[in-house]
């Protein structure tokens, strides 16, 4: 007996099995590949702060409440006040990890510009949103943590908070900056219901 019919039967069985597999789900489109080139200044300026104990020095204030889907925030009041959109100077750094700051890692960066009635700014071909923080346009980039919802989406379902959240406070990382320099909306972020 020839082995040809046996080979044909095996080939048909394999082809049939492969045709029964489910088609992959629609993936979130990746950003334009040229965005990675535009993000070089962002990586260069934020990589030294990727681990929170090495977090940014002067000018950065930390909020101690974790927001599900975002994490813990650092805000630079100087960058926020200048009103300039600069890829290398994000106004916000987002960390994920435990309630203890020594366990946190940088997951995303964000830009924020006060909304004074001007058109929403753009960066990396993305238009800033006005729906996250009242009175501000914002844009996030999940450059250190994959976001299944999309690279520039404001929330990342993969980012979780420790079960015991610390009290809602805003602290500074150095004595050269006080919480008086931090806009009021930063501490109000700790009181928002992010589950709605």
Protein backbone atom coordinates (compact mmCIF):
# COMPACT_ATOMS: atom_id res chain seq x y z
CA UNK A 1 0.00 0.00 0.00
CA UNK A 2 1.25 3.46 -0.89
CA UNK A 3 1.95 6.03 1.83
CA UNK A 4 0.51 8.75 -0.38
CA UNK A 5 -3.14 8.36 0.81
CA UNK A 6 -1.95 8.36 4.43
CA UNK A 7 0.03 11.58 3.91
CA UNK A 8 -2.96 13.17 2.19
CA UNK A 9 -5.26 12.17 5.07
CA UNK A 10 -2.86 13.58 7.68
CA UNK A 11 -2.49 16.81 5.69
CA UNK A 12 -6.28 17.16 5.44
CA UNK A 13 -6.68 16.51 9.18
CA UNK A 14 -4.10 19.17 10.05
CA UNK A 15 -5.65 21.66 7.63
CA UNK A 16 -9.08 20.97 9.11
CA UNK A 17 -7.82 21.46 12.65
CA UNK A 18 -6.15 24.74 11.76
CA UNK A 19 -9.28 26.02 10.05
CA UNK A 20 -11.27 25.47 13.25
CA UNK A 21 -9.13 27.80 15.36
CA UNK A 22 -10.64 31.14 16.26
CA UNK A 23 -9.58 34.23 14.40
CA UNK A 24 -7.55 36.62 16.56
CA UNK A 25 -9.43 39.48 18.18
CA UNK A 26 -9.11 42.90 16.65
CA UNK A 27 -5.94 44.36 18.12
CA UNK A 28 -5.64 47.99 19.12
CA UNK A 29 -3.67 49.69 16.36
CA UNK A 30 -0.11 50.62 17.25
CA UNK A 31 0.87 54.27 16.93
CA UNK A 32 2.62 55.47 13.80
CA UNK A 33 6.16 54.01 13.80
CA UNK A 34 7.62 57.52 13.52
CA UNK A 35 6.15 58.28 16.95
CA UNK A 36 8.98 56.22 18.46
CA UNK A 37 11.50 58.64 16.98
CA UNK A 38 9.52 61.59 18.36
CA UNK A 39 9.47 59.90 21.79
CA UNK A 40 13.28 59.76 22.09
CA UNK A 41 13.43 63.00 24.16
CA UNK A 42 10.68 61.64 26.40
CA UNK A 43 12.58 58.42 27.05
CA UNK A 44 15.86 60.29 27.52
CA UNK A 45 14.44 62.62 30.16
CA UNK A 46 12.26 60.12 32.02
CA UNK A 47 14.31 56.90 31.97
CA UNK A 48 16.44 57.97 34.97
CA UNK A 49 13.19 58.11 36.98
CA UNK A 50 11.88 54.71 35.90
CA UNK A 51 12.20 53.37 39.45
CA UNK A 52 10.42 55.60 41.99
CA UNK A 53 13.18 55.69 44.64
CA UNK A 54 15.22 57.37 41.89
CA UNK A 55 12.24 59.58 41.07
CA UNK A 56 12.68 63.02 39.66
CA UNK A 57 14.30 65.66 41.85
CA UNK A 58 13.45 69.35 42.14
CA UNK A 59 10.08 70.57 41.02
CA UNK A 60 8.11 67.33 41.17
CA UNK A 61 5.25 66.76 43.62
CA UNK A 62 3.88 63.29 44.32
CA UNK A 63 0.26 62.46 45.02
CA UNK A 64 -0.03 59.50 47.35
CA UNK A 65 -3.34 58.08 46.15
CA UNK A 66 -3.34 55.44 43.46
CA UNK A 67 -5.89 55.87 40.67
CA UNK A 68 -6.93 52.52 39.15
CA UNK A 69 -5.88 52.43 35.52
CA UNK A 70 -3.35 55.24 36.03
CA UNK A 71 -1.32 54.62 39.17
CA UNK A 72 0.46 57.17 41.38
CA UNK A 73 1.19 60.60 39.89
CA UNK A 74 4.09 63.01 40.03
CA UNK A 75 3.35 66.50 38.69
CA UNK A 76 5.91 69.15 37.74
CA UNK A 77 4.40 72.54 38.59
CA UNK A 78 7.02 74.46 36.58
CA UNK A 79 6.34 72.48 33.40
CA UNK A 80 2.62 72.82 33.98
CA UNK A 81 2.79 76.58 34.47
CA UNK A 82 4.83 77.28 31.33
CA UNK A 83 1.95 76.23 29.04
CA UNK A 84 4.41 74.69 26.58
CA UNK A 85 3.89 71.27 25.02
CA UNK A 86 7.35 69.69 24.89
CA UNK A 87 7.84 65.99 24.14
CA UNK A 88 10.91 65.95 26.38
CA UNK A 89 9.18 67.57 29.35
CA UNK A 90 6.00 65.72 30.29
CA UNK A 91 4.16 67.43 33.13
CA UNK A 92 3.07 64.13 34.72
CA UNK A 93 4.81 60.84 35.50
CA UNK A 94 2.66 57.80 36.37
CA UNK A 95 3.95 55.00 38.61
CA UNK A 96 2.52 51.58 39.42
CA UNK A 97 3.29 49.41 42.41
CA UNK A 98 2.64 49.02 46.09
CA UNK A 99 1.74 51.62 48.67
CA UNK A 100 5.44 51.68 49.59
CA UNK A 101 7.24 54.03 47.20
CA UNK A 102 10.22 51.69 46.97
CA UNK A 103 8.07 49.21 45.03
CA UNK A 104 6.88 51.53 42.26
CA UNK A 105 7.92 51.63 38.61
CA UNK A 106 7.26 54.26 35.95
CA UNK A 107 4.53 53.10 33.54
CA UNK A 108 3.51 56.20 31.62
CA UNK A 109 4.05 59.90 31.09
CA UNK A 110 1.52 62.65 30.53
CA UNK A 111 1.28 66.17 29.26
CA UNK A 112 -1.19 68.73 30.59
CA UNK A 113 -1.99 72.22 29.33
CA UNK A 114 -4.43 74.66 30.90
CA UNK A 115 -7.55 75.05 28.77
CA UNK A 116 -7.99 78.78 28.27
CA UNK A 117 -10.36 78.43 25.33
CA UNK A 118 -7.66 77.65 22.77
CA UNK A 119 -7.84 74.68 20.43
CA UNK A 120 -6.67 71.42 21.96
CA UNK A 121 -2.93 70.98 21.41
CA UNK A 122 -1.48 68.05 19.49
CA UNK A 123 1.61 65.97 20.09
CA UNK A 124 2.78 62.86 18.21
CA UNK A 125 -0.20 63.32 15.88
CA UNK A 126 -2.60 62.91 18.83
CA UNK A 127 -5.06 65.56 19.99
CA UNK A 128 -5.13 66.23 23.73
CA UNK A 129 -8.36 65.37 25.58
CA UNK A 130 -10.34 67.76 27.77
CA UNK A 131 -12.38 65.09 29.56
CA UNK A 132 -9.92 63.87 32.22
CA UNK A 133 -9.06 66.88 34.36
CA UNK A 134 -11.44 69.85 34.50
CA UNK A 135 -9.85 72.95 32.97
CA UNK A 136 -6.95 71.10 31.33
CA UNK A 137 -6.11 69.33 28.10
CA UNK A 138 -4.20 66.09 28.73
CA UNK A 139 -2.43 63.35 26.80
CA UNK A 140 -0.87 60.14 28.14
CA UNK A 141 1.71 57.86 26.53
CA UNK A 142 2.15 54.37 27.98
CA UNK A 143 5.82 54.12 27.05
CA UNK A 144 6.89 51.84 29.92
CA UNK A 145 3.83 49.56 30.18
CA UNK A 146 1.74 48.04 27.39
CA UNK A 147 -1.80 49.36 27.32
CA UNK A 148 -4.30 46.93 25.77
CA UNK A 149 -6.69 49.85 25.15
CA UNK A 150 -4.14 51.82 23.14
CA UNK A 151 -0.81 53.59 23.46
CA UNK A 152 -2.28 57.08 23.99
CA UNK A 153 -5.41 56.13 25.95
CA UNK A 154 -5.83 57.89 29.31
CA UNK A 155 -6.44 54.72 31.33
CA UNK A 156 -4.70 51.36 31.25
CA UNK A 157 -6.71 48.39 32.58
CA UNK A 158 -3.43 46.56 33.24
CA UNK A 159 -2.41 49.14 35.88
CA UNK A 160 -3.72 48.21 39.30
CA UNK A 161 -3.49 49.69 42.78
CA UNK A 162 -2.46 48.02 46.02
CA UNK A 163 -5.45 47.07 48.16
CA UNK A 164 -4.50 49.50 50.93
CA UNK A 165 -4.33 52.99 49.49
CA UNK A 166 -2.59 55.72 51.43
CA UNK A 167 -4.40 58.91 52.45
CA UNK A 168 -5.01 61.56 49.82
CA UNK A 169 -2.09 63.93 50.16
CA UNK A 170 0.32 65.73 47.94
CA UNK A 171 3.96 65.74 48.95
CA UNK A 172 7.08 67.13 47.39
CA UNK A 173 10.31 65.37 46.64
CA UNK A 174 12.62 68.16 47.80
CA UNK A 175 12.57 71.08 50.17
CA UNK A 176 13.05 73.52 47.30
CA UNK A 177 9.46 73.03 46.12
CA UNK A 178 6.38 73.32 48.27
CA UNK A 179 2.87 72.09 47.70
CA UNK A 180 1.89 75.75 47.28
CA UNK A 181 3.42 75.54 43.78
CA UNK A 182 1.26 72.57 42.87
CA UNK A 183 -2.02 73.46 41.16
CA UNK A 184 -5.17 72.79 43.17
CA UNK A 185 -6.39 70.25 40.63
CA UNK A 186 -3.51 67.89 41.47
CA UNK A 187 -4.81 67.21 44.97
CA UNK A 188 -8.40 67.13 43.67
CA UNK A 189 -7.42 64.13 41.52
CA UNK A 190 -7.09 62.14 44.74
CA UNK A 191 -10.77 62.76 45.55
CA UNK A 192 -12.29 61.91 42.15
CA UNK A 193 -14.32 58.74 41.68
CA UNK A 194 -12.32 57.07 38.91
CA UNK A 195 -14.67 54.08 38.73
CA UNK A 196 -17.58 56.03 37.22
